N, C-alpha and C. Protein backbone atom coordinates (compact mmCIF):
# COMPACT_ATOMS: atom_id res chain seq x y z
N UNK A 1 11.86 9.79 -2.42
CA UNK A 1 10.69 9.28 -1.78
C UNK A 1 10.34 10.20 -0.63
N UNK A 2 9.06 10.46 -0.46
CA UNK A 2 8.60 11.32 0.61
C UNK A 2 8.63 10.61 1.95
N UNK A 3 8.25 11.33 2.96
CA UNK A 3 8.28 10.76 4.30
C UNK A 3 7.12 9.81 4.49
N UNK A 4 7.33 8.82 5.31
CA UNK A 4 6.27 7.88 5.67
C UNK A 4 5.69 8.33 6.99
N UNK A 5 4.39 8.47 7.03
CA UNK A 5 3.74 8.92 8.25
C UNK A 5 2.67 7.94 8.63
N UNK A 6 2.48 7.76 9.90
CA UNK A 6 1.43 6.88 10.40
C UNK A 6 0.20 7.73 10.68
N UNK A 7 -0.95 7.15 10.44
CA UNK A 7 -2.21 7.85 10.62
C UNK A 7 -3.06 7.11 11.64
N UNK A 8 -3.15 7.62 12.85
CA UNK A 8 -4.00 7.02 13.86
C UNK A 8 -3.52 5.65 14.31
N UNK A 9 -4.29 5.03 15.17
CA UNK A 9 -3.94 3.71 15.68
C UNK A 9 -4.75 2.64 15.00
N UNK A 10 -4.74 1.44 15.60
CA UNK A 10 -5.50 0.34 15.03
C UNK A 10 -6.98 0.67 14.94
N UNK A 11 -7.65 0.04 13.97
CA UNK A 11 -9.09 0.24 13.82
C UNK A 11 -9.81 -0.39 15.01
N UNK A 12 -10.88 0.23 15.48
CA UNK A 12 -11.63 -0.36 16.59
C UNK A 12 -12.24 -1.69 16.15
N UNK A 13 -12.27 -2.68 17.05
CA UNK A 13 -12.84 -3.98 16.70
C UNK A 13 -14.36 -3.92 16.55
N UNK A 14 -14.90 -4.87 15.80
CA UNK A 14 -16.35 -5.05 15.65
C UNK A 14 -17.06 -3.76 15.23
N UNK A 15 -16.48 -3.07 14.25
CA UNK A 15 -17.09 -1.85 13.75
C UNK A 15 -16.94 -1.84 12.23
N UNK A 16 -18.03 -1.64 11.51
CA UNK A 16 -17.98 -1.61 10.06
C UNK A 16 -17.29 -0.32 9.61
N UNK A 17 -16.29 -0.49 8.74
CA UNK A 17 -15.56 0.67 8.23
C UNK A 17 -15.21 0.45 6.77
N UNK A 18 -14.95 1.53 6.04
CA UNK A 18 -14.46 1.45 4.67
C UNK A 18 -12.93 1.56 4.72
N UNK A 19 -12.25 0.54 4.19
CA UNK A 19 -10.79 0.51 4.22
C UNK A 19 -10.18 1.78 3.63
N UNK A 20 -10.71 2.22 2.49
CA UNK A 20 -10.13 3.38 1.81
C UNK A 20 -10.25 4.66 2.64
N UNK A 21 -11.17 4.68 3.59
CA UNK A 21 -11.35 5.87 4.43
C UNK A 21 -10.43 5.89 5.65
N UNK A 22 -9.68 4.81 5.89
CA UNK A 22 -8.83 4.74 7.08
C UNK A 22 -7.53 5.52 6.95
N UNK A 23 -7.13 5.86 5.72
CA UNK A 23 -5.95 6.70 5.50
C UNK A 23 -6.29 7.77 4.48
N UNK A 24 -5.62 8.91 4.60
CA UNK A 24 -5.83 10.02 3.66
C UNK A 24 -4.54 10.28 2.90
N UNK A 25 -4.70 10.73 1.67
CA UNK A 25 -3.54 11.12 0.88
C UNK A 25 -2.89 12.35 1.50
N UNK A 26 -1.55 12.41 1.45
CA UNK A 26 -0.80 13.57 1.87
C UNK A 26 0.21 13.88 0.78
N UNK A 27 0.28 15.14 0.37
CA UNK A 27 1.19 15.54 -0.70
C UNK A 27 2.62 15.08 -0.41
N UNK A 28 3.23 14.39 -1.39
CA UNK A 28 4.62 13.99 -1.30
C UNK A 28 4.93 12.94 -0.26
N UNK A 29 3.91 12.20 0.18
CA UNK A 29 4.12 11.26 1.30
C UNK A 29 3.49 9.90 1.07
N UNK A 30 3.92 8.98 1.92
CA UNK A 30 3.30 7.67 2.06
C UNK A 30 2.73 7.64 3.47
N UNK A 31 1.44 7.35 3.57
CA UNK A 31 0.77 7.30 4.86
C UNK A 31 0.32 5.87 5.11
N UNK A 32 0.50 5.38 6.34
CA UNK A 32 0.08 4.01 6.65
C UNK A 32 -0.67 3.96 7.97
N UNK A 33 -1.53 2.95 8.07
CA UNK A 33 -2.26 2.71 9.32
C UNK A 33 -2.39 1.19 9.50
N UNK A 34 -1.79 0.69 10.55
CA UNK A 34 -1.87 -0.74 10.84
C UNK A 34 -3.23 -1.04 11.45
N UNK A 35 -3.90 -2.04 10.90
CA UNK A 35 -5.23 -2.41 11.35
C UNK A 35 -5.16 -3.60 12.32
N UNK A 36 -4.29 -4.57 11.98
CA UNK A 36 -4.11 -5.76 12.81
C UNK A 36 -2.62 -6.04 12.89
N UNK A 37 -2.12 -6.39 14.08
CA UNK A 37 -0.72 -6.78 14.24
C UNK A 37 -0.65 -7.99 15.16
N UNK A 38 -0.11 -9.08 14.62
CA UNK A 38 0.07 -10.32 15.37
C UNK A 38 1.48 -10.84 15.07
N UNK A 39 1.97 -11.78 15.86
CA UNK A 39 3.27 -12.40 15.57
C UNK A 39 3.27 -13.08 14.21
N UNK A 40 2.11 -13.59 13.78
CA UNK A 40 2.01 -14.33 12.53
C UNK A 40 1.80 -13.43 11.31
N UNK A 41 1.59 -12.13 11.52
CA UNK A 41 1.41 -11.22 10.38
C UNK A 41 0.68 -9.95 10.76
N UNK A 42 0.30 -9.20 9.74
CA UNK A 42 -0.36 -7.92 9.97
C UNK A 42 -1.21 -7.52 8.77
N UNK A 43 -2.09 -6.55 9.01
CA UNK A 43 -2.89 -5.93 7.95
C UNK A 43 -2.70 -4.42 8.09
N UNK A 44 -2.26 -3.78 7.00
CA UNK A 44 -1.98 -2.34 7.02
C UNK A 44 -2.59 -1.70 5.78
N UNK A 45 -3.17 -0.52 5.96
CA UNK A 45 -3.71 0.26 4.84
C UNK A 45 -2.73 1.39 4.56
N UNK A 46 -2.42 1.61 3.28
CA UNK A 46 -1.48 2.64 2.85
C UNK A 46 -2.13 3.61 1.88
N UNK A 47 -1.65 4.85 1.87
CA UNK A 47 -1.99 5.85 0.85
C UNK A 47 -0.67 6.41 0.33
N UNK A 48 -0.43 6.27 -0.97
CA UNK A 48 0.80 6.75 -1.62
C UNK A 48 0.44 7.92 -2.52
N UNK A 49 1.13 9.05 -2.37
CA UNK A 49 0.95 10.15 -3.31
C UNK A 49 1.63 9.77 -4.62
N UNK A 50 1.23 10.40 -5.72
CA UNK A 50 1.81 10.12 -7.04
C UNK A 50 3.33 10.24 -6.98
N UNK A 51 4.01 9.24 -7.57
CA UNK A 51 5.47 9.25 -7.63
C UNK A 51 6.15 8.67 -6.40
N UNK A 52 5.41 8.46 -5.32
CA UNK A 52 5.99 7.90 -4.11
C UNK A 52 6.05 6.38 -4.20
N UNK A 53 6.84 5.76 -3.35
CA UNK A 53 6.93 4.31 -3.39
C UNK A 53 7.74 3.75 -2.25
N UNK A 54 7.98 2.46 -2.33
CA UNK A 54 8.85 1.75 -1.40
C UNK A 54 9.95 1.11 -2.22
N UNK A 55 11.19 1.34 -1.84
CA UNK A 55 12.32 0.78 -2.58
C UNK A 55 12.37 -0.74 -2.41
N UNK A 56 13.13 -1.38 -3.28
CA UNK A 56 13.21 -2.84 -3.27
C UNK A 56 13.67 -3.36 -1.91
N UNK A 57 12.98 -4.39 -1.43
CA UNK A 57 13.29 -5.01 -0.15
C UNK A 57 12.71 -6.42 -0.14
N UNK A 58 13.03 -7.20 0.88
CA UNK A 58 12.43 -8.51 1.07
C UNK A 58 11.88 -8.60 2.48
N UNK A 59 10.94 -9.52 2.68
CA UNK A 59 10.40 -9.79 4.01
C UNK A 59 10.20 -11.30 4.15
N UNK A 60 10.14 -11.80 5.38
CA UNK A 60 9.89 -13.22 5.59
C UNK A 60 8.40 -13.57 5.50
N UNK A 61 7.58 -12.61 5.06
CA UNK A 61 6.14 -12.80 4.99
C UNK A 61 5.67 -12.94 3.55
N UNK A 62 4.67 -13.80 3.31
CA UNK A 62 3.91 -13.74 2.06
C UNK A 62 3.03 -12.52 2.21
N UNK A 63 2.93 -11.72 1.15
CA UNK A 63 2.19 -10.46 1.25
C UNK A 63 1.15 -10.37 0.13
N UNK A 64 -0.08 -10.12 0.52
CA UNK A 64 -1.17 -9.91 -0.42
C UNK A 64 -1.43 -8.42 -0.50
N UNK A 65 -1.36 -7.87 -1.71
CA UNK A 65 -1.64 -6.45 -1.93
C UNK A 65 -2.95 -6.34 -2.70
N UNK A 66 -3.87 -5.51 -2.20
CA UNK A 66 -5.11 -5.22 -2.91
C UNK A 66 -5.24 -3.71 -3.06
N UNK A 67 -5.38 -3.25 -4.31
CA UNK A 67 -5.52 -1.81 -4.55
C UNK A 67 -6.96 -1.38 -4.33
N UNK A 68 -7.12 -0.35 -3.50
CA UNK A 68 -8.44 0.21 -3.19
C UNK A 68 -8.76 1.38 -4.10
N UNK A 69 -7.71 2.01 -4.66
CA UNK A 69 -7.87 3.23 -5.44
C UNK A 69 -6.59 3.45 -6.24
N UNK A 70 -6.68 4.07 -7.40
CA UNK A 70 -5.51 4.49 -8.15
C UNK A 70 -4.81 3.40 -8.93
N UNK A 71 -3.50 3.64 -9.20
CA UNK A 71 -2.68 2.71 -9.99
C UNK A 71 -1.27 2.65 -9.42
N UNK A 72 -0.70 1.43 -9.44
CA UNK A 72 0.65 1.25 -8.91
C UNK A 72 1.42 0.27 -9.77
N UNK A 73 2.73 0.51 -9.89
CA UNK A 73 3.65 -0.47 -10.45
C UNK A 73 4.23 -1.24 -9.28
N UNK A 74 4.07 -2.55 -9.31
CA UNK A 74 4.63 -3.42 -8.27
C UNK A 74 5.60 -4.37 -8.95
N UNK A 75 6.86 -4.30 -8.53
CA UNK A 75 7.90 -5.14 -9.10
C UNK A 75 8.22 -6.26 -8.13
N UNK A 76 8.16 -7.50 -8.63
CA UNK A 76 8.45 -8.68 -7.82
C UNK A 76 9.49 -9.50 -8.57
N UNK A 77 10.64 -9.71 -7.94
CA UNK A 77 11.72 -10.50 -8.53
C UNK A 77 12.05 -10.02 -9.95
N UNK A 78 12.09 -8.69 -10.13
CA UNK A 78 12.49 -8.10 -11.39
C UNK A 78 11.40 -7.95 -12.44
N UNK A 79 10.20 -8.43 -12.16
CA UNK A 79 9.09 -8.32 -13.11
C UNK A 79 8.07 -7.31 -12.60
N UNK A 80 7.73 -6.30 -13.43
CA UNK A 80 6.82 -5.23 -13.02
C UNK A 80 5.40 -5.54 -13.46
N UNK A 81 4.46 -5.28 -12.55
CA UNK A 81 3.03 -5.51 -12.78
C UNK A 81 2.30 -4.19 -12.53
N UNK A 82 1.42 -3.80 -13.45
CA UNK A 82 0.59 -2.61 -13.26
C UNK A 82 -0.72 -3.05 -12.62
N UNK A 83 -1.01 -2.51 -11.44
CA UNK A 83 -2.26 -2.81 -10.75
C UNK A 83 -3.13 -1.57 -10.72
N UNK A 84 -4.43 -1.80 -10.87
CA UNK A 84 -5.42 -0.73 -10.81
C UNK A 84 -6.44 -1.07 -9.74
N UNK A 85 -7.29 -0.10 -9.42
CA UNK A 85 -8.31 -0.29 -8.39
C UNK A 85 -9.01 -1.64 -8.56
N UNK A 86 -9.09 -2.41 -7.47
CA UNK A 86 -9.75 -3.70 -7.48
C UNK A 86 -8.82 -4.87 -7.77
N UNK A 87 -7.59 -4.59 -8.28
CA UNK A 87 -6.63 -5.66 -8.56
C UNK A 87 -5.91 -6.09 -7.29
N UNK A 88 -5.38 -7.32 -7.32
CA UNK A 88 -4.58 -7.82 -6.21
C UNK A 88 -3.43 -8.64 -6.76
N UNK A 89 -2.39 -8.81 -5.94
CA UNK A 89 -1.25 -9.63 -6.30
C UNK A 89 -0.61 -10.16 -5.02
N UNK A 90 -0.03 -11.34 -5.12
CA UNK A 90 0.69 -11.93 -3.99
C UNK A 90 2.18 -11.73 -4.22
N UNK A 91 2.85 -11.19 -3.22
CA UNK A 91 4.30 -11.04 -3.24
C UNK A 91 4.86 -12.13 -2.33
N UNK A 92 5.50 -13.15 -2.91
CA UNK A 92 5.99 -14.28 -2.10
C UNK A 92 7.07 -13.85 -1.10
N UNK A 93 7.09 -14.55 0.03
CA UNK A 93 8.11 -14.30 1.06
C UNK A 93 9.50 -14.44 0.46
N UNK A 94 10.40 -13.60 0.94
CA UNK A 94 11.83 -13.65 0.58
C UNK A 94 12.12 -13.34 -0.88
N UNK A 95 11.15 -12.81 -1.63
CA UNK A 95 11.37 -12.36 -3.01
C UNK A 95 11.50 -10.84 -2.99
N UNK A 96 12.52 -10.28 -3.66
CA UNK A 96 12.64 -8.83 -3.68
C UNK A 96 11.43 -8.19 -4.37
N UNK A 97 10.93 -7.12 -3.77
CA UNK A 97 9.79 -6.42 -4.35
C UNK A 97 9.88 -4.91 -4.04
N UNK A 98 9.21 -4.13 -4.88
CA UNK A 98 9.18 -2.67 -4.73
C UNK A 98 7.83 -2.18 -5.24
N UNK A 99 7.41 -1.00 -4.77
CA UNK A 99 6.14 -0.41 -5.20
C UNK A 99 6.36 1.04 -5.59
N UNK A 100 5.62 1.50 -6.61
CA UNK A 100 5.68 2.92 -6.99
C UNK A 100 4.31 3.35 -7.48
N UNK A 101 3.89 4.53 -7.04
CA UNK A 101 2.59 5.08 -7.44
C UNK A 101 2.67 5.66 -8.84
N UNK A 102 1.92 5.08 -9.78
CA UNK A 102 1.77 5.65 -11.12
C UNK A 102 0.95 6.92 -10.99
N UNK A 103 -0.16 6.82 -10.29
CA UNK A 103 -0.97 7.95 -9.80
C UNK A 103 -1.18 7.63 -8.32
N UNK A 104 -1.70 8.56 -7.55
CA UNK A 104 -1.89 8.23 -6.13
C UNK A 104 -2.72 6.97 -6.02
N UNK A 105 -2.38 6.19 -5.02
CA UNK A 105 -3.13 4.96 -4.81
C UNK A 105 -3.21 4.61 -3.33
N UNK A 106 -4.24 3.83 -3.02
CA UNK A 106 -4.40 3.26 -1.68
C UNK A 106 -4.42 1.75 -1.81
N UNK A 107 -3.85 1.08 -0.80
CA UNK A 107 -3.82 -0.37 -0.84
C UNK A 107 -3.96 -0.95 0.56
N UNK A 108 -4.38 -2.21 0.59
CA UNK A 108 -4.38 -3.00 1.81
C UNK A 108 -3.26 -4.01 1.64
N UNK A 109 -2.39 -4.09 2.62
CA UNK A 109 -1.28 -5.05 2.64
C UNK A 109 -1.53 -6.04 3.77
N UNK A 110 -1.70 -7.31 3.39
CA UNK A 110 -1.89 -8.38 4.37
C UNK A 110 -0.64 -9.25 4.34
N UNK A 111 0.08 -9.30 5.45
CA UNK A 111 1.32 -10.07 5.51
C UNK A 111 1.12 -11.27 6.43
N UNK A 112 1.50 -12.45 5.93
CA UNK A 112 1.37 -13.70 6.70
C UNK A 112 2.72 -14.39 6.75
N UNK A 113 3.14 -14.77 7.93
CA UNK A 113 4.42 -15.44 8.10
C UNK A 113 4.40 -16.75 7.33
N UNK A 114 5.42 -16.94 6.52
CA UNK A 114 5.53 -18.14 5.70
C UNK A 114 6.05 -19.29 6.56
N UNK A 115 5.49 -20.51 6.41
CA UNK A 115 5.93 -21.63 7.26
C UNK A 115 7.37 -22.02 7.00
């Protein structure tokens, strides 16, 4: 897996922006930019180069993934799902999950603390 790099700071409030334009692809890397961060959750935009991913892990958050571009394999509790641009999936809190870029892809990750 390539290095994870952060791109810029939070998005300015009350400004229209295109999510896919908030991060750029970088060869061999995963790039992320946090848009919102609160105790109850966060919203982060990611760009994954082809073949890059996140290894299996769990979080105490319910996580909504929406693909903005490309294709990704997302594995949740041992079951793999192929997502393409415009698709979304919910990764339940405390369930093991992993992501891998089939081709480069961008996504929005919205994490909400589970009650």
